[in-house]
Protein backbone atom coordinates (compact mmCIF):
# COMPACT_ATOMS: atom_id res chain seq x y z
CA MET A 1 35.70 -32.52 -6.73
CA LYS A 2 35.32 -29.02 -5.27
CA PHE A 3 32.08 -27.07 -5.72
CA THR A 4 32.03 -23.28 -5.57
CA HIS A 5 28.55 -22.45 -6.91
CA ILE A 6 25.63 -24.85 -6.52
CA LEU A 7 22.35 -24.35 -8.36
CA LEU A 8 19.35 -25.72 -6.45
CA THR A 9 16.25 -25.85 -8.62
CA THR A 10 12.77 -25.73 -7.14
CA ASP A 11 9.29 -25.90 -8.57
CA LEU A 12 8.14 -24.29 -5.28
CA SER A 13 6.33 -27.48 -4.23
CA ASP A 14 6.77 -29.24 -0.90
CA GLU A 15 8.42 -32.14 -2.76
CA SER A 16 11.15 -29.84 -4.05
CA LEU A 17 12.13 -29.04 -0.45
CA ARG A 18 13.55 -32.57 -0.14
CA ALA A 19 16.76 -31.37 -1.84
CA PHE A 20 17.26 -28.31 0.39
CA ALA A 21 18.91 -29.81 3.51
CA PRO A 22 21.40 -32.08 1.71
CA THR A 23 22.26 -29.33 -0.78
CA ALA A 24 22.78 -26.83 2.05
CA ASP A 25 25.06 -29.34 3.81
CA LEU A 26 27.04 -29.76 0.61
CA ALA A 27 27.35 -25.98 0.20
CA ARG A 28 28.55 -25.67 3.81
CA THR A 29 31.10 -28.45 3.35
CA HIS A 30 32.55 -26.85 0.22
CA GLY A 31 32.07 -23.21 1.24
CA ALA A 32 30.00 -22.82 -1.92
CA LYS A 33 27.55 -20.13 -2.92
CA LEU A 34 24.00 -21.44 -3.38
CA THR A 35 21.50 -20.17 -5.93
CA LEU A 36 17.83 -21.13 -5.66
CA LEU A 37 16.27 -21.13 -9.12
CA HIS A 38 12.66 -21.36 -10.21
CA ILE A 39 11.60 -21.36 -13.85
CA VAL A 40 8.14 -20.08 -14.70
CA GLN A 41 6.89 -21.97 -17.72
CA ASP A 42 6.09 -19.43 -20.41
CA VAL A 43 4.70 -20.93 -23.59
CA PRO A 44 4.11 -18.11 -26.09
CA VAL A 45 0.93 -18.44 -28.14
CA ALA A 46 -0.46 -16.67 -31.17
CA PRO A 47 -2.96 -13.97 -30.16
CA HIS A 48 -6.59 -15.03 -30.61
CA GLY A 49 -7.94 -13.83 -33.92
CA ALA A 50 -4.50 -12.93 -35.25
CA PRO A 51 -2.88 -16.17 -36.48
CA LEU A 52 -0.12 -14.33 -38.36
CA ALA A 53 0.91 -12.19 -35.40
CA PRO A 54 4.08 -13.23 -33.56
CA PRO A 55 3.52 -15.39 -30.48
CA VAL A 56 3.16 -13.54 -27.18
CA SER A 57 3.59 -14.58 -23.57
CA ALA A 58 0.57 -15.17 -21.37
CA PRO A 59 -0.52 -11.92 -19.69
CA ASP A 60 -0.01 -13.30 -16.18
CA VAL A 61 3.66 -14.33 -16.58
CA GLY A 62 4.82 -11.16 -14.79
CA ASN A 63 2.55 -11.92 -11.83
CA LEU A 64 3.79 -15.53 -11.73
CA ILE A 65 7.40 -14.31 -11.66
CA ASP A 66 6.65 -11.87 -8.81
CA ALA A 67 4.86 -14.58 -6.80
CA ALA A 68 7.75 -17.00 -7.41
CA ARG A 69 10.27 -14.44 -6.13
CA MET A 70 8.32 -14.08 -2.89
CA ARG A 71 8.05 -17.86 -2.44
CA LEU A 72 11.76 -18.32 -3.19
CA ARG A 73 12.66 -15.85 -0.45
CA GLU A 74 10.57 -17.90 1.96
CA GLN A 75 12.27 -21.10 0.84
CA ALA A 76 15.72 -19.48 1.13
CA SER A 77 15.16 -19.11 4.88
CA LEU A 78 15.13 -22.92 5.13
CA VAL A 79 18.76 -23.10 3.99
CA GLY A 80 20.25 -21.22 6.94
CA SER A 81 22.00 -17.91 7.38
CA ASP A 82 25.52 -19.35 7.27
CA ILE A 83 25.41 -19.89 3.47
CA GLU A 84 25.52 -17.23 0.77
CA VAL A 85 22.14 -17.66 -0.96
CA GLU A 86 20.87 -15.95 -4.08
CA CYS A 87 17.34 -16.30 -5.46
CA ALA A 88 16.65 -16.27 -9.19
CA VAL A 89 13.49 -16.57 -11.25
CA SER A 90 13.40 -16.94 -15.01
CA ALA A 91 10.71 -17.66 -17.59
CA SER A 92 11.05 -20.09 -20.46
CA ALA A 93 9.04 -22.48 -22.59
CA ASP A 94 11.61 -25.23 -21.93
CA ILE A 95 12.34 -25.50 -18.20
CA ALA A 96 15.16 -28.04 -18.45
CA GLU A 97 16.98 -26.15 -21.17
CA ARG A 98 16.72 -22.92 -19.17
CA VAL A 99 18.08 -24.59 -16.01
CA ALA A 100 21.09 -25.89 -17.95
CA SER A 101 21.73 -22.56 -19.66
CA TYR A 102 21.39 -20.67 -16.36
CA ALA A 103 23.99 -22.98 -14.80
CA HIS A 104 26.35 -22.38 -17.72
CA GLU A 105 25.82 -18.59 -17.85
CA ASN A 106 26.35 -18.17 -14.09
CA GLY A 107 29.31 -20.48 -13.52
CA CYS A 108 27.46 -23.10 -11.50
CA ASP A 109 29.43 -26.31 -11.09
CA LEU A 110 26.61 -28.51 -9.73
CA ILE A 111 22.84 -28.66 -10.22
CA THR A 112 20.69 -30.24 -7.50
CA LEU A 113 16.99 -31.04 -7.56
CA SER A 114 14.39 -33.36 -6.14
CA THR A 115 12.47 -35.69 -8.39
CA HIS A 116 8.74 -36.22 -8.16
CA GLY A 117 9.06 -39.92 -8.85
CA ARG A 118 6.25 -40.16 -11.38
CA THR A 119 6.18 -43.43 -13.25
CA GLY A 120 4.26 -45.15 -15.99
CA PHE A 121 1.62 -43.25 -17.93
CA ARG A 122 1.87 -40.09 -15.76
CA ARG A 123 5.56 -39.81 -16.63
CA PHE A 124 4.84 -40.42 -20.32
CA VAL A 125 2.20 -37.68 -20.41
CA LEU A 126 3.94 -35.14 -18.19
CA GLY A 127 7.53 -35.85 -19.16
CA SER A 128 10.40 -35.72 -16.75
CA VAL A 129 12.05 -32.39 -16.09
CA ALA A 130 14.79 -34.07 -14.07
CA GLU A 131 15.65 -36.40 -16.95
CA ALA A 132 15.69 -33.52 -19.42
CA ILE A 133 18.01 -31.49 -17.16
CA LEU A 134 20.39 -34.46 -17.15
CA ARG A 135 20.41 -34.41 -20.96
CA TYR A 136 20.99 -30.64 -21.29
CA ALA A 137 23.39 -30.00 -18.40
CA HIS A 138 27.13 -29.65 -18.90
CA VAL A 139 27.84 -29.95 -15.16
CA PRO A 140 27.06 -32.75 -12.70
CA VAL A 141 23.42 -33.10 -11.64
CA MET A 142 22.47 -34.52 -8.25
CA CYS A 143 18.90 -35.79 -7.89
CA PHE A 144 17.13 -36.51 -4.61
CA PRO A 145 14.40 -39.10 -5.24
CA ARG A 146 11.17 -39.55 -3.35
CA PRO A 147 11.68 -41.85 -0.36
CA GLU A 148 10.20 -45.37 -0.60
């Protein structure tokens, strides 16, 4: 299988960096373009005191997107200068669905990500973004788990 455009998702945490080196190696091996993607979770809510008004985004979403762009540029430097790297930030209520749709819209042929390795009750309460991406994606997904 030949990869030409790899989508590397990051939640901007240190744990998400685990996927960077192996994904960069894969991009080098295949001569693939690499896109770093961060999704800002934007859950629209009804304005206070106006229950019939259409839902609106939180007022700080724009600031979160700007901050994410700056952090992504910092993280892009970890990949190396020998790979074509693009940084993208998007906002959505459903992170996994947005990752899958971004991959489809932009011709990505592989999605890579690190998993946080939550188990038990924490996973039940918080859900699993990695698992949801696997369900939504129409391209292969490569997960890098937390080491033992």
